[in-house]
């Protein structure tokens, strides 16, 4: 599984995502957005993040248009900047005795 994650990281850095992948991701992010505001606690967390990152009082209204404006080029540019299969932090959770750990290398 870890090798597949590293493989996908490298793919996102070197290839453009497909139109279908981009469309599905946009639909998920815009469609699931209201769930981020279902409880008082979630609303407070959201408002706090908006204020902390100085996103603007109209961020909640603009969020869908921000997501819809993302391009394949944007995804690749950000992947190149932040997804580095040579320098990453891997966190595994589970019983060590049940994990088959060996040296992992980027594809």
PDB file of N, CA and C in Angstrom:
ATOM      1  N   UNK A   1       0.810  -1.186   0.000  1.00  0.00           N
ATOM      2  CA  UNK A   1       0.000   0.000   0.000  1.00  0.00           C
ATOM      3  C   UNK A   1       0.865   1.267   0.000  1.00  0.00           C
ATOM      4  N   UNK A   2       1.921   1.274   0.784  1.00  0.00           N
ATOM      5  CA  UNK A   2       2.793   2.443   0.843  1.00  0.00           C
ATOM      6  C   UNK A   2       3.458   2.669  -0.509  1.00  0.00           C
ATOM      7  N   UNK A   3       3.863   1.584  -1.160  1.00  0.00           N
ATOM      8  CA  UNK A   3       4.485   1.729  -2.484  1.00  0.00           C
ATOM      9  C   UNK A   3       3.513   2.357  -3.468  1.00  0.00           C
ATOM     10  N   UNK A   4       2.240   2.000  -3.367  1.00  0.00           N
ATOM     11  CA  UNK A   4       1.235   2.583  -4.265  1.00  0.00           C
ATOM     12  C   UNK A   4       1.059   4.072  -3.983  1.00  0.00           C
ATOM     13  N   UNK A   5       1.098   4.467  -2.722  1.00  0.00           N
ATOM     14  CA  UNK A   5       0.991   5.887  -2.368  1.00  0.00           C
ATOM     15  C   UNK A   5       2.164   6.662  -2.965  1.00  0.00           C
ATOM     16  N   UNK A   6       3.361   6.126  -2.811  1.00  0.00           N
ATOM     17  CA  UNK A   6       4.545   6.783  -3.376  1.00  0.00           C
ATOM     18  C   UNK A   6       4.460   6.848  -4.896  1.00  0.00           C
ATOM     19  N   UNK A   7       3.955   5.794  -5.496  1.00  0.00           N
ATOM     20  CA  UNK A   7       3.782   5.763  -6.951  1.00  0.00           C
ATOM     21  C   UNK A   7       2.803   6.856  -7.399  1.00  0.00           C
ATOM     22  N   UNK A   8       1.709   7.008  -6.676  1.00  0.00           N
ATOM     23  CA  UNK A   8       0.721   8.031  -7.014  1.00  0.00           C
ATOM     24  C   UNK A   8       1.276   9.435  -6.790  1.00  0.00           C
ATOM     25  N   UNK A   9       2.088   9.604  -5.748  1.00  0.00           N
ATOM     26  CA  UNK A   9       2.724  10.900  -5.524  1.00  0.00           C
ATOM     27  C   UNK A   9       3.588  11.266  -6.726  1.00  0.00           C
ATOM     28  N   UNK A  10       4.375  10.315  -7.183  1.00  0.00           N
ATOM     29  CA  UNK A  10       5.251  10.565  -8.327  1.00  0.00           C
ATOM     30  C   UNK A  10       4.430  10.829  -9.587  1.00  0.00           C
ATOM     31  N   UNK A  11       3.353  10.081  -9.763  1.00  0.00           N
ATOM     32  CA  UNK A  11       2.500  10.272 -10.945  1.00  0.00           C
ATOM     33  C   UNK A  11       1.904  11.671 -10.956  1.00  0.00           C
ATOM     34  N   UNK A  12       1.427  12.130  -9.797  1.00  0.00           N
ATOM     35  CA  UNK A  12       0.819  13.458  -9.732  1.00  0.00           C
ATOM     36  C   UNK A  12       1.837  14.557 -10.007  1.00  0.00           C
ATOM     37  N   UNK A  13       3.103  14.292  -9.709  1.00  0.00           N
ATOM     38  CA  UNK A  13       4.159  15.271  -9.965  1.00  0.00           C
ATOM     39  C   UNK A  13       4.565  15.311 -11.438  1.00  0.00           C
ATOM     40  N   UNK A  14       4.386  14.206 -12.145  1.00  0.00           N
ATOM     41  CA  UNK A  14       4.895  14.120 -13.512  1.00  0.00           C
ATOM     42  C   UNK A  14       3.811  14.098 -14.590  1.00  0.00           C
ATOM     43  N   UNK A  15       2.559  13.847 -14.198  1.00  0.00           N
ATOM     44  CA  UNK A  15       1.468  13.785 -15.174  1.00  0.00           C
ATOM     45  C   UNK A  15       0.315  14.668 -14.700  1.00  0.00           C
ATOM     46  N   UNK A  16      -0.512  15.050 -15.647  1.00  0.00           N
ATOM     47  CA  UNK A  16      -1.721  15.783 -15.285  1.00  0.00           C
ATOM     48  C   UNK A  16      -2.796  14.790 -14.854  1.00  0.00           C
ATOM     49  N   UNK A  17      -3.592  15.170 -13.860  1.00  0.00           N
ATOM     50  CA  UNK A  17      -4.720  14.331 -13.487  1.00  0.00           C
ATOM     51  C   UNK A  17      -5.705  14.326 -14.658  1.00  0.00           C
ATOM     52  N   UNK A  18      -6.517  13.285 -14.730  1.00  0.00           N
ATOM     53  CA  UNK A  18      -7.496  13.218 -15.818  1.00  0.00           C
ATOM     54  C   UNK A  18      -8.645  14.174 -15.534  1.00  0.00           C
ATOM     55  N   UNK A  19      -9.387  14.485 -16.586  1.00  0.00           N
ATOM     56  CA  UNK A  19     -10.569  15.336 -16.422  1.00  0.00           C
ATOM     57  C   UNK A  19     -11.548  14.700 -15.448  1.00  0.00           C
ATOM     58  N   UNK A  20     -11.685  13.367 -15.512  1.00  0.00           N
ATOM     59  CA  UNK A  20     -12.613  12.667 -14.623  1.00  0.00           C
ATOM     60  C   UNK A  20     -12.159  12.759 -13.164  1.00  0.00           C
ATOM     61  N   UNK A  21     -10.858  12.576 -12.912  1.00  0.00           N
ATOM     62  CA  UNK A  21     -10.340  12.695 -11.546  1.00  0.00           C
ATOM     63  C   UNK A  21     -10.585  14.097 -10.997  1.00  0.00           C
ATOM     64  N   UNK A  22     -10.310  15.092 -11.810  1.00  0.00           N
ATOM     65  CA  UNK A  22     -10.485  16.478 -11.382  1.00  0.00           C
ATOM     66  C   UNK A  22     -11.962  16.786 -11.136  1.00  0.00           C
ATOM     67  N   UNK A  23     -12.805  16.341 -12.033  1.00  0.00           N
ATOM     68  CA  UNK A  23     -14.239  16.566 -11.891  1.00  0.00           C
ATOM     69  C   UNK A  23     -14.788  15.878 -10.642  1.00  0.00           C
ATOM     70  N   UNK A  24     -14.368  14.629 -10.405  1.00  0.00           N
ATOM     71  CA  UNK A  24     -14.818  13.893  -9.219  1.00  0.00           C
ATOM     72  C   UNK A  24     -14.362  14.578  -7.933  1.00  0.00           C
ATOM     73  N   UNK A  25     -13.119  15.060  -7.912  1.00  0.00           N
ATOM     74  CA  UNK A  25     -12.590  15.720  -6.719  1.00  0.00           C
ATOM     75  C   UNK A  25     -13.345  17.024  -6.452  1.00  0.00           C
ATOM     76  N   UNK A  26     -13.601  17.785  -7.487  1.00  0.00           N
ATOM     77  CA  UNK A  26     -14.351  19.037  -7.326  1.00  0.00           C
ATOM     78  C   UNK A  26     -15.756  18.759  -6.809  1.00  0.00           C
ATOM     79  N   UNK A  27     -16.409  17.737  -7.374  1.00  0.00           N
ATOM     80  CA  UNK A  27     -17.769  17.387  -6.940  1.00  0.00           C
ATOM     81  C   UNK A  27     -17.769  16.965  -5.480  1.00  0.00           C
ATOM     82  N   UNK A  28     -16.770  16.195  -5.082  1.00  0.00           N
ATOM     83  CA  UNK A  28     -16.681  15.767  -3.682  1.00  0.00           C
ATOM     84  C   UNK A  28     -16.480  16.967  -2.758  1.00  0.00           C
ATOM     85  N   UNK A  29     -15.527  17.819  -3.093  1.00  0.00           N
ATOM     86  CA  UNK A  29     -15.204  18.950  -2.220  1.00  0.00           C
ATOM     87  C   UNK A  29     -16.360  19.937  -2.096  1.00  0.00           C
ATOM     88  N   UNK A  30     -17.032  20.228  -3.195  1.00  0.00           N
ATOM     89  CA  UNK A  30     -18.156  21.160  -3.114  1.00  0.00           C
ATOM     90  C   UNK A  30     -19.386  20.489  -2.511  1.00  0.00           C
ATOM     91  N   UNK A  31     -19.594  19.217  -2.822  1.00  0.00           N
ATOM     92  CA  UNK A  31     -20.758  18.510  -2.304  1.00  0.00           C
ATOM     93  C   UNK A  31     -20.687  18.203  -0.824  1.00  0.00           C
ATOM     94  N   UNK A  32     -19.480  17.939  -0.347  1.00  0.00           N
ATOM     95  CA  UNK A  32     -19.314  17.599   1.072  1.00  0.00           C
ATOM     96  C   UNK A  32     -19.095  18.824   1.954  1.00  0.00           C
ATOM     97  N   UNK A  33     -18.943  19.982   1.346  1.00  0.00           N
ATOM     98  CA  UNK A  33     -18.654  21.190   2.110  1.00  0.00           C
ATOM     99  C   UNK A  33     -19.684  21.476   3.207  1.00  0.00           C
ATOM    100  N   UNK A  34     -20.988  21.366   2.940  1.00  0.00           N
ATOM    101  CA  UNK A  34     -21.959  21.644   4.005  1.00  0.00           C
ATOM    102  C   UNK A  34     -21.789  20.753   5.249  1.00  0.00           C
ATOM    103  N   UNK A  35     -21.249  19.567   5.073  1.00  0.00           N
ATOM    104  CA  UNK A  35     -21.021  18.681   6.224  1.00  0.00           C
ATOM    105  C   UNK A  35     -19.967  19.242   7.175  1.00  0.00           C
ATOM    106  N   UNK A  36     -19.140  20.131   6.662  1.00  0.00           N
ATOM    107  CA  UNK A  36     -18.124  20.764   7.513  1.00  0.00           C
ATOM    108  C   UNK A  36     -18.744  21.764   8.477  1.00  0.00           C
ATOM    109  N   UNK A  37     -20.049  22.040   8.292  1.00  0.00           N
ATOM    110  CA  UNK A  37     -20.723  23.056   9.114  1.00  0.00           C
ATOM    111  C   UNK A  37     -21.968  22.491   9.798  1.00  0.00           C
ATOM    112  N   UNK A  38     -21.992  21.205  10.077  1.00  0.00           N
ATOM    113  CA  UNK A  38     -23.192  20.560  10.615  1.00  0.00           C
ATOM    114  C   UNK A  38     -23.422  20.783  12.110  1.00  0.00           C
ATOM    115  N   UNK A  39     -22.383  21.076  12.842  1.00  0.00           N
ATOM    116  CA  UNK A  39     -22.541  21.254  14.283  1.00  0.00           C
ATOM    117  C   UNK A  39     -21.976  22.606  14.703  1.00  0.00           C
ATOM    118  N   UNK A  40     -22.355  23.032  15.882  1.00  0.00           N
ATOM    119  CA  UNK A  40     -21.829  24.288  16.408  1.00  0.00           C
ATOM    120  C   UNK A  40     -20.312  24.243  16.494  1.00  0.00           C
ATOM    121  N   UNK A  41     -19.792  23.123  16.933  1.00  0.00           N
ATOM    122  CA  UNK A  41     -18.345  22.968  17.054  1.00  0.00           C
ATOM    123  C   UNK A  41     -17.658  23.098  15.696  1.00  0.00           C
ATOM    124  N   UNK A  42     -18.232  22.481  14.673  1.00  0.00           N
ATOM    125  CA  UNK A  42     -17.656  22.569  13.333  1.00  0.00           C
ATOM    126  C   UNK A  42     -17.730  23.991  12.786  1.00  0.00           C
ATOM    127  N   UNK A  43     -18.808  24.683  13.072  1.00  0.00           N
ATOM    128  CA  UNK A  43     -18.952  26.076  12.633  1.00  0.00           C
ATOM    129  C   UNK A  43     -17.893  26.945  13.285  1.00  0.00           C
ATOM    130  N   UNK A  44     -17.696  26.765  14.585  1.00  0.00           N
ATOM    131  CA  UNK A  44     -16.678  27.533  15.312  1.00  0.00           C
ATOM    132  C   UNK A  44     -15.295  27.243  14.742  1.00  0.00           C
ATOM    133  N   UNK A  45     -14.998  25.961  14.494  1.00  0.00           N
ATOM    134  CA  UNK A  45     -13.699  25.593  13.914  1.00  0.00           C
ATOM    135  C   UNK A  45     -13.516  26.245  12.547  1.00  0.00           C
ATOM    136  N   UNK A  46     -14.567  26.223  11.740  1.00  0.00           N
ATOM    137  CA  UNK A  46     -14.503  26.799  10.401  1.00  0.00           C
ATOM    138  C   UNK A  46     -14.255  28.309  10.466  1.00  0.00           C
ATOM    139  N   UNK A  47     -15.026  29.001  11.279  1.00  0.00           N
ATOM    140  CA  UNK A  47     -14.869  30.457  11.412  1.00  0.00           C
ATOM    141  C   UNK A  47     -13.476  30.800  11.949  1.00  0.00           C
ATOM    142  N   UNK A  48     -13.007  30.000  12.888  1.00  0.00           N
ATOM    143  CA  UNK A  48     -11.660  30.228  13.441  1.00  0.00           C
ATOM    144  C   UNK A  48     -10.602  30.093  12.356  1.00  0.00           C
ATOM    145  N   UNK A  49     -10.722  29.057  11.518  1.00  0.00           N
ATOM    146  CA  UNK A  49      -9.746  28.854  10.440  1.00  0.00           C
ATOM    147  C   UNK A  49      -9.824  29.990   9.426  1.00  0.00           C
ATOM    148  N   UNK A  50     -11.029  30.404   9.082  1.00  0.00           N
ATOM    149  CA  UNK A  50     -11.200  31.513   8.129  1.00  0.00           C
ATOM    150  C   UNK A  50     -10.532  32.776   8.671  1.00  0.00           C
ATOM    151  N   UNK A  51     -10.727  33.053   9.960  1.00  0.00           N
ATOM    152  CA  UNK A  51     -10.114  34.238  10.564  1.00  0.00           C
ATOM    153  C   UNK A  51      -8.598  34.084  10.674  1.00  0.00           C
ATOM    154  N   UNK A  52      -8.152  32.907  11.112  1.00  0.00           N
ATOM    155  CA  UNK A  52      -6.715  32.672  11.295  1.00  0.00           C
ATOM    156  C   UNK A  52      -5.950  32.854   9.982  1.00  0.00           C
ATOM    157  N   UNK A  53      -6.501  32.298   8.898  1.00  0.00           N
ATOM    158  CA  UNK A  53      -5.829  32.375   7.602  1.00  0.00           C
ATOM    159  C   UNK A  53      -6.243  33.604   6.789  1.00  0.00           C
ATOM    160  N   UNK A  54      -7.038  34.476   7.420  1.00  0.00           N
ATOM    161  CA  UNK A  54      -7.450  35.732   6.793  1.00  0.00           C
ATOM    162  C   UNK A  54      -8.054  35.495   5.397  1.00  0.00           C
ATOM    163  N   UNK A  55      -9.015  34.565   5.332  1.00  0.00           N
ATOM    164  CA  UNK A  55      -9.628  34.199   4.060  1.00  0.00           C
ATOM    165  C   UNK A  55     -10.752  35.128   3.636  1.00  0.00           C
ATOM    166  N   UNK A  56     -11.206  35.960   4.542  1.00  0.00           N
ATOM    167  CA  UNK A  56     -12.256  36.919   4.208  1.00  0.00           C
ATOM    168  C   UNK A  56     -13.619  36.470   4.695  1.00  0.00           C
ATOM    169  N   UNK A  57     -14.442  37.453   5.041  1.00  0.00           N
ATOM    170  CA  UNK A  57     -15.767  37.152   5.572  1.00  0.00           C
ATOM    171  C   UNK A  57     -16.682  36.490   4.545  1.00  0.00           C
ATOM    172  N   UNK A  58     -16.363  36.614   3.267  1.00  0.00           N
ATOM    173  CA  UNK A  58     -17.190  36.026   2.221  1.00  0.00           C
ATOM    174  C   UNK A  58     -16.658  34.665   1.740  1.00  0.00           C
ATOM    175  N   UNK A  59     -15.704  34.103   2.460  1.00  0.00           N
ATOM    176  CA  UNK A  59     -15.097  32.830   2.045  1.00  0.00           C
ATOM    177  C   UNK A  59     -16.133  31.726   1.876  1.00  0.00           C
ATOM    178  N   UNK A  60     -17.096  31.658   2.774  1.00  0.00           N
ATOM    179  CA  UNK A  60     -18.100  30.597   2.696  1.00  0.00           C
ATOM    180  C   UNK A  60     -18.902  30.695   1.390  1.00  0.00           C
ATOM    181  N   UNK A  61     -19.136  31.889   0.910  1.00  0.00           N
ATOM    182  CA  UNK A  61     -19.859  32.062  -0.350  1.00  0.00           C
ATOM    183  C   UNK A  61     -18.950  31.784  -1.562  1.00  0.00           C
ATOM    184  N   UNK A  62     -17.681  32.120  -1.435  1.00  0.00           N
ATOM    185  CA  UNK A  62     -16.753  31.981  -2.560  1.00  0.00           C
ATOM    186  C   UNK A  62     -16.141  30.585  -2.682  1.00  0.00           C
ATOM    187  N   UNK A  63     -16.193  29.792  -1.615  1.00  0.00           N
ATOM    188  CA  UNK A  63     -15.549  28.477  -1.612  1.00  0.00           C
ATOM    189  C   UNK A  63     -15.895  27.646  -2.853  1.00  0.00           C
ATOM    190  N   UNK A  64     -17.177  27.472  -3.189  1.00  0.00           N
ATOM    191  CA  UNK A  64     -17.486  26.650  -4.374  1.00  0.00           C
ATOM    192  C   UNK A  64     -16.825  27.173  -5.656  1.00  0.00           C
ATOM    193  N   UNK A  65     -16.796  28.468  -5.846  1.00  0.00           N
ATOM    194  CA  UNK A  65     -16.172  29.006  -7.063  1.00  0.00           C
ATOM    195  C   UNK A  65     -14.657  28.815  -7.036  1.00  0.00           C
ATOM    196  N   UNK A  66     -14.054  28.880  -5.843  1.00  0.00           N
ATOM    197  CA  UNK A  66     -12.619  28.611  -5.736  1.00  0.00           C
ATOM    198  C   UNK A  66     -12.317  27.182  -6.180  1.00  0.00           C
ATOM    199  N   UNK A  67     -13.100  26.230  -5.689  1.00  0.00           N
ATOM    200  CA  UNK A  67     -12.879  24.827  -6.037  1.00  0.00           C
ATOM    201  C   UNK A  67     -13.118  24.606  -7.522  1.00  0.00           C
ATOM    202  N   UNK A  68     -14.199  25.155  -8.039  1.00  0.00           N
ATOM    203  CA  UNK A  68     -14.531  24.962  -9.453  1.00  0.00           C
ATOM    204  C   UNK A  68     -13.480  25.563 -10.390  1.00  0.00           C
ATOM    205  N   UNK A  69     -12.714  26.537  -9.927  1.00  0.00           N
ATOM    206  CA  UNK A  69     -11.722  27.193 -10.782  1.00  0.00           C
ATOM    207  C   UNK A  69     -10.381  26.456 -10.831  1.00  0.00           C
ATOM    208  N   UNK A  70     -10.211  25.413 -10.036  1.00  0.00           N
ATOM    209  CA  UNK A  70      -8.942  24.673 -10.016  1.00  0.00           C
ATOM    210  C   UNK A  70      -8.752  23.931 -11.338  1.00  0.00           C
ATOM    211  N   UNK A  71      -7.541  24.006 -11.876  1.00  0.00           N
ATOM    212  CA  UNK A  71      -7.215  23.369 -13.154  1.00  0.00           C
ATOM    213  C   UNK A  71      -6.266  22.197 -12.948  1.00  0.00           C
ATOM    214  N   UNK A  72      -6.120  21.399 -13.995  1.00  0.00           N
ATOM    215  CA  UNK A  72      -5.149  20.295 -13.952  1.00  0.00           C
ATOM    216  C   UNK A  72      -3.745  20.843 -13.731  1.00  0.00           C
ATOM    217  N   UNK A  73      -3.475  21.998 -14.293  1.00  0.00           N
ATOM    218  CA  UNK A  73      -2.156  22.621 -14.123  1.00  0.00           C
ATOM    219  C   UNK A  73      -1.927  23.017 -12.666  1.00  0.00           C
ATOM    220  N   UNK A  74      -2.983  23.496 -12.003  1.00  0.00           N
ATOM    221  CA  UNK A  74      -2.877  23.843 -10.587  1.00  0.00           C
ATOM    222  C   UNK A  74      -2.529  22.611  -9.757  1.00  0.00           C
ATOM    223  N   UNK A  75      -3.213  21.515 -10.037  1.00  0.00           N
ATOM    224  CA  UNK A  75      -2.980  20.278  -9.283  1.00  0.00           C
ATOM    225  C   UNK A  75      -1.542  19.825  -9.448  1.00  0.00           C
ATOM    226  N   UNK A  76      -1.063  19.835 -10.667  1.00  0.00           N
ATOM    227  CA  UNK A  76       0.315  19.390 -10.917  1.00  0.00           C
ATOM    228  C   UNK A  76       1.333  20.320 -10.268  1.00  0.00           C
ATOM    229  N   UNK A  77       1.104  21.623 -10.364  1.00  0.00           N
ATOM    230  CA  UNK A  77       2.026  22.602  -9.767  1.00  0.00           C
ATOM    231  C   UNK A  77       2.121  22.391  -8.254  1.00  0.00           C
ATOM    232  N   UNK A  78       0.989  22.205  -7.599  1.00  0.00           N
ATOM    233  CA  UNK A  78       0.979  22.011  -6.149  1.00  0.00           C
ATOM    234  C   UNK A  78       1.582  20.650  -5.786  1.00  0.00           C
ATOM    235  N   UNK A  79       1.304  19.636  -6.593  1.00  0.00           N
ATOM    236  CA  UNK A  79       1.889  18.315  -6.348  1.00  0.00           C
ATOM    237  C   UNK A  79       3.410  18.375  -6.444  1.00  0.00           C
ATOM    238  N   UNK A  80       3.918  19.087  -7.442  1.00  0.00           N
ATOM    239  CA  UNK A  80       5.369  19.224  -7.583  1.00  0.00           C
ATOM    240  C   UNK A  80       5.980  19.912  -6.372  1.00  0.00           C
ATOM    241  N   UNK A  81       5.244  20.851  -5.806  1.00  0.00           N
ATOM    242  CA  UNK A  81       5.766  21.606  -4.671  1.00  0.00           C
ATOM    243  C   UNK A  81       5.702  20.810  -3.369  1.00  0.00           C
ATOM    244  N   UNK A  82       4.601  20.085  -3.136  1.00  0.00           N
ATOM    245  CA  UNK A  82       4.371  19.497  -1.819  1.00  0.00           C
ATOM    246  C   UNK A  82       4.475  17.973  -1.744  1.00  0.00           C
ATOM    247  N   UNK A  83       4.357  17.268  -2.843  1.00  0.00           N
ATOM    248  CA  UNK A  83       4.415  15.808  -2.808  1.00  0.00           C
ATOM    249  C   UNK A  83       5.784  15.346  -3.280  1.00  0.00           C
ATOM    250  N   UNK A  84       6.652  15.064  -2.352  1.00  0.00           N
ATOM    251  CA  UNK A  84       7.998  14.641  -2.689  1.00  0.00           C
ATOM    252  C   UNK A  84       8.219  13.218  -2.187  1.00  0.00           C
ATOM    253  N   UNK A  85       8.227  12.225  -3.084  1.00  0.00           N
ATOM    254  CA  UNK A  85       8.410  10.845  -2.643  1.00  0.00           C
ATOM    255  C   UNK A  85       9.815  10.551  -2.128  1.00  0.00           C
ATOM    256  N   UNK A  86      10.706  11.514  -2.238  1.00  0.00           N
ATOM    257  CA  UNK A  86      12.058  11.358  -1.693  1.00  0.00           C
ATOM    258  C   UNK A  86      12.168  11.936  -0.288  1.00  0.00           C
ATOM    259  N   UNK A  87      11.261  12.817   0.075  1.00  0.00           N
ATOM    260  CA  UNK A  87      11.303  13.469   1.387  1.00  0.00           C
ATOM    261  C   UNK A  87       9.877  13.570   1.909  1.00  0.00           C
ATOM    262  N   UNK A  88       9.485  12.595   2.687  1.00  0.00           N
ATOM    263  CA  UNK A  88       8.134  12.570   3.232  1.00  0.00           C
ATOM    264  C   UNK A  88       8.180  11.985   4.635  1.00  0.00           C
ATOM    265  N   UNK A  89       7.124  12.197   5.361  1.00  0.00           N
ATOM    266  CA  UNK A  89       6.993  11.611   6.690  1.00  0.00           C
ATOM    267  C   UNK A  89       5.886  10.580   6.603  1.00  0.00           C
ATOM    268  N   UNK A  90       6.198   9.367   7.037  1.00  0.00           N
ATOM    269  CA  UNK A  90       5.244   8.269   6.993  1.00  0.00           C
ATOM    270  C   UNK A  90       4.875   7.885   8.419  1.00  0.00           C
ATOM    271  N   UNK A  91       3.592   7.876   8.697  1.00  0.00           N
ATOM    272  CA  UNK A  91       3.110   7.495  10.016  1.00  0.00           C
ATOM    273  C   UNK A  91       2.290   6.220   9.860  1.00  0.00           C
ATOM    274  N   UNK A  92       2.705   5.171  10.537  1.00  0.00           N
ATOM    275  CA  UNK A  92       1.973   3.909  10.530  1.00  0.00           C
ATOM    276  C   UNK A  92       1.359   3.696  11.898  1.00  0.00           C
ATOM    277  N   UNK A  93       0.118   3.290  11.908  1.00  0.00           N
ATOM    278  CA  UNK A  93      -0.577   3.040  13.159  1.00  0.00           C
ATOM    279  C   UNK A  93      -1.007   1.586  13.167  1.00  0.00           C
ATOM    280  N   UNK A  94      -0.634   0.884  14.200  1.00  0.00           N
ATOM    281  CA  UNK A  94      -1.006  -0.523  14.308  1.00  0.00           C
ATOM    282  C   UNK A  94      -0.019  -1.252  15.206  1.00  0.00           C
ATOM    283  N   UNK A  95      -0.253  -2.523  15.347  1.00  0.00           N
ATOM    284  CA  UNK A  95       0.658  -3.348  16.147  1.00  0.00           C
ATOM    285  C   UNK A  95       1.891  -3.681  15.329  1.00  0.00           C
ATOM    286  N   UNK A  96       3.032  -3.332  15.876  1.00  0.00           N
ATOM    287  CA  UNK A  96       4.285  -3.553  15.166  1.00  0.00           C
ATOM    288  C   UNK A  96       4.457  -5.029  14.831  1.00  0.00           C
ATOM    289  N   UNK A  97       4.028  -5.898  15.721  1.00  0.00           N
ATOM    290  CA  UNK A  97       4.176  -7.332  15.497  1.00  0.00           C
ATOM    291  C   UNK A  97       3.360  -7.818  14.301  1.00  0.00           C
ATOM    292  N   UNK A  98       2.336  -7.055  13.926  1.00  0.00           N
ATOM    293  CA  UNK A  98       1.484  -7.451  12.809  1.00  0.00           C
ATOM    294  C   UNK A  98       1.865  -6.763  11.500  1.00  0.00           C
ATOM    295  N   UNK A  99       2.757  -5.796  11.581  1.00  0.00           N
ATOM    296  CA  UNK A  99       3.174  -5.080  10.375  1.00  0.00           C
ATOM    297  C   UNK A  99       4.396  -5.746   9.778  1.00  0.00           C
ATOM    298  N   UNK A 100       4.405  -5.796   8.481  1.00  0.00           N
ATOM    299  CA  UNK A 100       5.565  -6.334   7.770  1.00  0.00           C
ATOM    300  C   UNK A 100       6.351  -5.143   7.257  1.00  0.00           C
ATOM    301  N   UNK A 101       7.262  -4.673   8.080  1.00  0.00           N
ATOM    302  CA  UNK A 101       8.020  -3.475   7.735  1.00  0.00           C
ATOM    303  C   UNK A 101       9.331  -3.858   7.066  1.00  0.00           C
ATOM    304  N   UNK A 102       9.661  -3.122   6.039  1.00  0.00           N
ATOM    305  CA  UNK A 102      10.941  -3.251   5.365  1.00  0.00           C
ATOM    306  C   UNK A 102      11.305  -1.875   4.809  1.00  0.00           C
ATOM    307  N   UNK A 103      12.493  -1.754   4.332  1.00  0.00           N
ATOM    308  CA  UNK A 103      12.954  -0.469   3.811  1.00  0.00           C
ATOM    309  C   UNK A 103      12.090  -0.057   2.639  1.00  0.00           C
ATOM    310  N   UNK A 104      11.518   1.137   2.694  1.00  0.00           N
ATOM    311  CA  UNK A 104      10.688   1.659   1.626  1.00  0.00           C
ATOM    312  C   UNK A 104      11.488   2.618   0.788  1.00  0.00           C
ATOM    313  N   UNK A 105      11.357   2.499  -0.501  1.00  0.00           N
ATOM    314  CA  UNK A 105      12.030   3.416  -1.399  1.00  0.00           C
ATOM    315  C   UNK A 105      11.019   3.935  -2.407  1.00  0.00           C
ATOM    316  N   UNK A 106      11.238   5.148  -2.832  1.00  0.00           N
ATOM    317  CA  UNK A 106      10.353   5.747  -3.829  1.00  0.00           C
ATOM    318  C   UNK A 106      10.465   4.971  -5.125  1.00  0.00           C
ATOM    319  N   UNK A 107       9.362   4.895  -5.880  1.00  0.00           N
ATOM    320  CA  UNK A 107       9.393   4.169  -7.160  1.00  0.00           C
ATOM    321  C   UNK A 107      10.289   4.833  -8.175  1.00  0.00           C
TER     322      UNK A 107
END
